[in-house]
Amino acid sequence: MNRDDFAKFVARTIDEVIKLAEKQSVQKLPRQCAFRWLGRSHPLLRDGIVEHIVQRVWLDEDHIYPCVDIGVADLLDDGSLLIVGNIAGYAPKAFGMNWTGRDGPFIHIVGEPFMAKIAGRKCRWSPETDALDFTVPDMKRL
């Protein structure tokens, strides 16, 4: 898969994880979002999200990180969605099916902090310091 096609794939993935969060929360969600990689050293991004993800995940046509958790983790105070990503420690390889049975490297997740806020519960969580509890609700059967 070339870089341009992968960028389109990333954009579709972002839309898909928002739709998955809508399905899980039974609510229409905004398309305004922010992104950050999990961990202390990663800044919150509001612009250039697709390109930023492409730069980290796609190395070349034959080397793409094969397992990347991505999904809506939280609802920010300004009403935008916080989408997070985490690259697992597998060696890059050609584009293919991931362990969920889905094409590409992305494992679609929904974060517990997001679901707690939707349900009106408090969930103290910080993407800089805390592990994210999440589900993989639409995993295909292998």
C-alpha atoms as a PDB file:
ATOM      1  CA  MET A   1       0.000   0.000   0.000  1.00  0.00           C
ATOM      2  CA  ASN A   2       1.451   3.366  -0.988  1.00  0.00           C
ATOM      3  CA  ARG A   3       1.591   6.356   1.351  1.00  0.00           C
ATOM      4  CA  ASP A   4      -1.366   8.228  -0.193  1.00  0.00           C
ATOM      5  CA  ASP A   5      -3.603   5.160   0.021  1.00  0.00           C
ATOM      6  CA  PHE A   6      -2.504   4.605   3.607  1.00  0.00           C
ATOM      7  CA  ALA A   7      -3.371   8.226   4.495  1.00  0.00           C
ATOM      8  CA  LYS A   8      -6.874   7.685   3.071  1.00  0.00           C
ATOM      9  CA  PHE A   9      -7.083   4.465   5.085  1.00  0.00           C
ATOM     10  CA  VAL A  10      -6.148   6.376   8.265  1.00  0.00           C
ATOM     11  CA  ALA A  11      -8.833   9.013   7.587  1.00  0.00           C
ATOM     12  CA  ARG A  12     -11.445   6.269   7.105  1.00  0.00           C
ATOM     13  CA  THR A  13     -10.252   4.594  10.295  1.00  0.00           C
ATOM     14  CA  ILE A  14     -10.781   7.773  12.315  1.00  0.00           C
ATOM     15  CA  ASP A  15     -14.331   8.013  10.990  1.00  0.00           C
ATOM     16  CA  GLU A  16     -14.902   4.312  11.744  1.00  0.00           C
ATOM     17  CA  VAL A  17     -13.754   4.585  15.369  1.00  0.00           C
ATOM     18  CA  ILE A  18     -16.033   7.586  15.904  1.00  0.00           C
ATOM     19  CA  LYS A  19     -18.945   5.599  14.435  1.00  0.00           C
ATOM     20  CA  LEU A  20     -18.045   2.674  16.707  1.00  0.00           C
ATOM     21  CA  ALA A  21     -18.131   4.997  19.739  1.00  0.00           C
ATOM     22  CA  GLU A  22     -21.514   6.280  18.551  1.00  0.00           C
ATOM     23  CA  LYS A  23     -22.813   2.737  18.342  1.00  0.00           C
ATOM     24  CA  GLN A  24     -21.513   1.878  21.802  1.00  0.00           C
ATOM     25  CA  SER A  25     -22.799   5.081  23.410  1.00  0.00           C
ATOM     26  CA  VAL A  26     -26.041   5.254  21.395  1.00  0.00           C
ATOM     27  CA  GLN A  27     -25.360   8.953  20.833  1.00  0.00           C
ATOM     28  CA  LYS A  28     -24.504  11.138  17.868  1.00  0.00           C
ATOM     29  CA  LEU A  29     -20.986  12.416  18.444  1.00  0.00           C
ATOM     30  CA  PRO A  30     -19.148  15.475  17.154  1.00  0.00           C
ATOM     31  CA  ARG A  31     -16.568  15.083  14.411  1.00  0.00           C
ATOM     32  CA  GLN A  32     -14.310  17.606  16.114  1.00  0.00           C
ATOM     33  CA  CYS A  33     -11.482  15.633  17.637  1.00  0.00           C
ATOM     34  CA  ALA A  34      -8.028  15.758  19.128  1.00  0.00           C
ATOM     35  CA  PHE A  35      -5.413  13.033  19.011  1.00  0.00           C
ATOM     36  CA  ARG A  36      -2.544  11.844  21.126  1.00  0.00           C
ATOM     37  CA  TRP A  37      -0.393   8.775  21.402  1.00  0.00           C
ATOM     38  CA  LEU A  38      -0.623   7.232  24.849  1.00  0.00           C
ATOM     39  CA  GLY A  39       2.319   8.037  27.090  1.00  0.00           C
ATOM     40  CA  ARG A  40       4.043  10.910  28.829  1.00  0.00           C
ATOM     41  CA  SER A  41       6.028  12.406  25.985  1.00  0.00           C
ATOM     42  CA  HIS A  42       3.273  12.811  23.408  1.00  0.00           C
ATOM     43  CA  PRO A  43       1.492  16.142  22.853  1.00  0.00           C
ATOM     44  CA  LEU A  44      -2.192  16.637  22.178  1.00  0.00           C
ATOM     45  CA  LEU A  45      -2.790  17.390  18.490  1.00  0.00           C
ATOM     46  CA  ARG A  46      -5.776  19.154  16.999  1.00  0.00           C
ATOM     47  CA  ASP A  47      -4.499  19.627  13.449  1.00  0.00           C
ATOM     48  CA  GLY A  48      -2.736  17.350  10.986  1.00  0.00           C
ATOM     49  CA  ILE A  49      -3.902  14.215  12.792  1.00  0.00           C
ATOM     50  CA  VAL A  50      -4.001  11.939   9.749  1.00  0.00           C
ATOM     51  CA  GLU A  51      -0.526  12.975   8.613  1.00  0.00           C
ATOM     52  CA  HIS A  52       0.849  12.560  12.130  1.00  0.00           C
ATOM     53  CA  ILE A  53      -0.490   8.992  12.353  1.00  0.00           C
ATOM     54  CA  VAL A  54       0.850   8.163   8.883  1.00  0.00           C
ATOM     55  CA  GLN A  55       4.314   9.428   9.845  1.00  0.00           C
ATOM     56  CA  ARG A  56       4.429   7.111  12.872  1.00  0.00           C
ATOM     57  CA  VAL A  57       2.805   3.957  11.463  1.00  0.00           C
ATOM     58  CA  TRP A  58       3.767   3.832   7.740  1.00  0.00           C
ATOM     59  CA  LEU A  59       7.493   3.472   7.103  1.00  0.00           C
ATOM     60  CA  ASP A  60       7.303   2.373   3.455  1.00  0.00           C
ATOM     61  CA  GLU A  61       5.089   0.169   1.282  1.00  0.00           C
ATOM     62  CA  ASP A  62       6.437  -3.025   2.838  1.00  0.00           C
ATOM     63  CA  HIS A  63       6.903  -1.786   6.408  1.00  0.00           C
ATOM     64  CA  ILE A  64       3.831  -0.719   8.372  1.00  0.00           C
ATOM     65  CA  TYR A  65       3.445  -1.307  12.094  1.00  0.00           C
ATOM     66  CA  PRO A  66       0.919  -4.173  12.137  1.00  0.00           C
ATOM     67  CA  CYS A  67      -0.857  -3.609  15.471  1.00  0.00           C
ATOM     68  CA  VAL A  68      -2.034  -0.136  16.487  1.00  0.00           C
ATOM     69  CA  ASP A  69      -4.829   0.398  19.010  1.00  0.00           C
ATOM     70  CA  ILE A  70      -6.880   3.455  18.033  1.00  0.00           C
ATOM     71  CA  GLY A  71     -10.190   4.805  19.212  1.00  0.00           C
ATOM     72  CA  VAL A  72     -12.225   7.298  21.173  1.00  0.00           C
ATOM     73  CA  ALA A  73     -10.810   7.397  24.691  1.00  0.00           C
ATOM     74  CA  ASP A  74     -12.528  10.390  26.227  1.00  0.00           C
ATOM     75  CA  LEU A  75     -14.786  13.376  25.716  1.00  0.00           C
ATOM     76  CA  LEU A  76     -12.821  16.583  26.335  1.00  0.00           C
ATOM     77  CA  ASP A  77     -14.153  19.584  28.243  1.00  0.00           C
ATOM     78  CA  ASP A  78     -14.605  21.541  24.997  1.00  0.00           C
ATOM     79  CA  GLY A  79     -16.886  18.772  23.660  1.00  0.00           C
ATOM     80  CA  SER A  80     -14.375  17.312  21.218  1.00  0.00           C
ATOM     81  CA  LEU A  81     -13.447  13.652  21.161  1.00  0.00           C
ATOM     82  CA  LEU A  82     -10.050  12.490  22.327  1.00  0.00           C
ATOM     83  CA  ILE A  83      -8.802   9.793  19.995  1.00  0.00           C
ATOM     84  CA  VAL A  84      -5.763   7.908  21.227  1.00  0.00           C
ATOM     85  CA  GLY A  85      -3.339   5.547  19.599  1.00  0.00           C
ATOM     86  CA  ASN A  86      -0.816   3.031  20.814  1.00  0.00           C
ATOM     87  CA  ILE A  87       1.643   1.121  18.646  1.00  0.00           C
ATOM     88  CA  ALA A  88       2.279  -2.410  19.903  1.00  0.00           C
ATOM     89  CA  GLY A  89       5.821  -3.750  19.856  1.00  0.00           C
ATOM     90  CA  TYR A  90       5.630  -5.834  16.688  1.00  0.00           C
ATOM     91  CA  ALA A  91       8.077  -5.438  13.814  1.00  0.00           C
ATOM     92  CA  PRO A  92       6.763  -3.590  10.747  1.00  0.00           C
ATOM     93  CA  LYS A  93       5.539  -5.680   7.824  1.00  0.00           C
ATOM     94  CA  ALA A  94       3.443  -5.333   4.676  1.00  0.00           C
ATOM     95  CA  PHE A  95      -0.188  -4.197   4.947  1.00  0.00           C
ATOM     96  CA  GLY A  96      -2.399  -7.137   5.849  1.00  0.00           C
ATOM     97  CA  MET A  97      -5.042  -8.493   8.176  1.00  0.00           C
ATOM     98  CA  ASN A  98      -4.629  -7.874  11.906  1.00  0.00           C
ATOM     99  CA  TRP A  99      -5.485 -10.219  14.786  1.00  0.00           C
ATOM    100  CA  THR A 100      -9.106  -8.989  14.927  1.00  0.00           C
ATOM    101  CA  GLY A 101      -9.757 -10.114  11.352  1.00  0.00           C
ATOM    102  CA  ARG A 102      -9.791  -6.530  10.093  1.00  0.00           C
ATOM    103  CA  ASP A 103      -7.624  -5.310   7.200  1.00  0.00           C
ATOM    104  CA  GLY A 104      -4.788  -3.018   8.213  1.00  0.00           C
ATOM    105  CA  PRO A 105      -2.960  -2.346  11.422  1.00  0.00           C
ATOM    106  CA  PHE A 106      -5.704  -0.638  13.398  1.00  0.00           C
ATOM    107  CA  ILE A 107      -7.448  -2.284  16.339  1.00  0.00           C
ATOM    108  CA  HIS A 108     -10.631  -0.261  16.936  1.00  0.00           C
ATOM    109  CA  ILE A 109     -11.155   0.492  20.614  1.00  0.00           C
ATOM    110  CA  VAL A 110     -13.561   2.417  22.832  1.00  0.00           C
ATOM    111  CA  GLY A 111     -12.115   3.818  26.046  1.00  0.00           C
ATOM    112  CA  GLU A 112     -13.701   3.361  29.458  1.00  0.00           C
ATOM    113  CA  PRO A 113     -13.248   7.090  30.305  1.00  0.00           C
ATOM    114  CA  PHE A 114     -15.426   7.974  27.292  1.00  0.00           C
ATOM    115  CA  MET A 115     -18.114   5.441  28.205  1.00  0.00           C
ATOM    116  CA  ALA A 116     -18.095   6.603  31.847  1.00  0.00           C
ATOM    117  CA  LYS A 117     -18.658  10.244  30.836  1.00  0.00           C
ATOM    118  CA  ILE A 118     -21.456   9.269  28.462  1.00  0.00           C
ATOM    119  CA  ALA A 119     -23.103   7.360  31.319  1.00  0.00           C
ATOM    120  CA  GLY A 120     -22.703  10.315  33.694  1.00  0.00           C
ATOM    121  CA  ARG A 121     -20.072   8.590  35.828  1.00  0.00           C
ATOM    122  CA  LYS A 122     -16.786  10.111  36.887  1.00  0.00           C
ATOM    123  CA  CYS A 123     -13.642   8.482  35.627  1.00  0.00           C
ATOM    124  CA  ARG A 124     -10.341   9.933  36.699  1.00  0.00           C
ATOM    125  CA  TRP A 125      -7.890   9.250  33.912  1.00  0.00           C
ATOM    126  CA  SER A 126      -4.893  10.984  32.386  1.00  0.00           C
ATOM    127  CA  PRO A 127      -3.495   9.937  28.987  1.00  0.00           C
ATOM    128  CA  GLU A 128      -0.049  11.099  30.080  1.00  0.00           C
ATOM    129  CA  THR A 129       0.243   8.830  33.100  1.00  0.00           C
ATOM    130  CA  ASP A 130      -2.504   6.244  33.285  1.00  0.00           C
ATOM    131  CA  ALA A 131      -3.110   3.022  31.425  1.00  0.00           C
ATOM    132  CA  LEU A 132      -6.285   3.130  29.361  1.00  0.00           C
ATOM    133  CA  ASP A 133      -8.999   0.593  30.048  1.00  0.00           C
ATOM    134  CA  PHE A 134     -10.793  -0.107  26.781  1.00  0.00           C
ATOM    135  CA  THR A 135     -12.839  -2.637  24.879  1.00  0.00           C
ATOM    136  CA  VAL A 136     -12.564  -3.982  21.325  1.00  0.00           C
ATOM    137  CA  PRO A 137     -16.327  -4.206  20.766  1.00  0.00           C
ATOM    138  CA  ASP A 138     -16.510  -5.056  17.067  1.00  0.00           C
ATOM    139  CA  MET A 139     -13.822  -7.737  16.876  1.00  0.00           C
ATOM    140  CA  LYS A 140     -14.578 -10.117  14.040  1.00  0.00           C
ATOM    141  CA  ARG A 141     -14.563 -13.825  14.708  1.00  0.00           C
ATOM    142  CA  LEU A 142     -11.522 -15.533  13.267  1.00  0.00           C
END
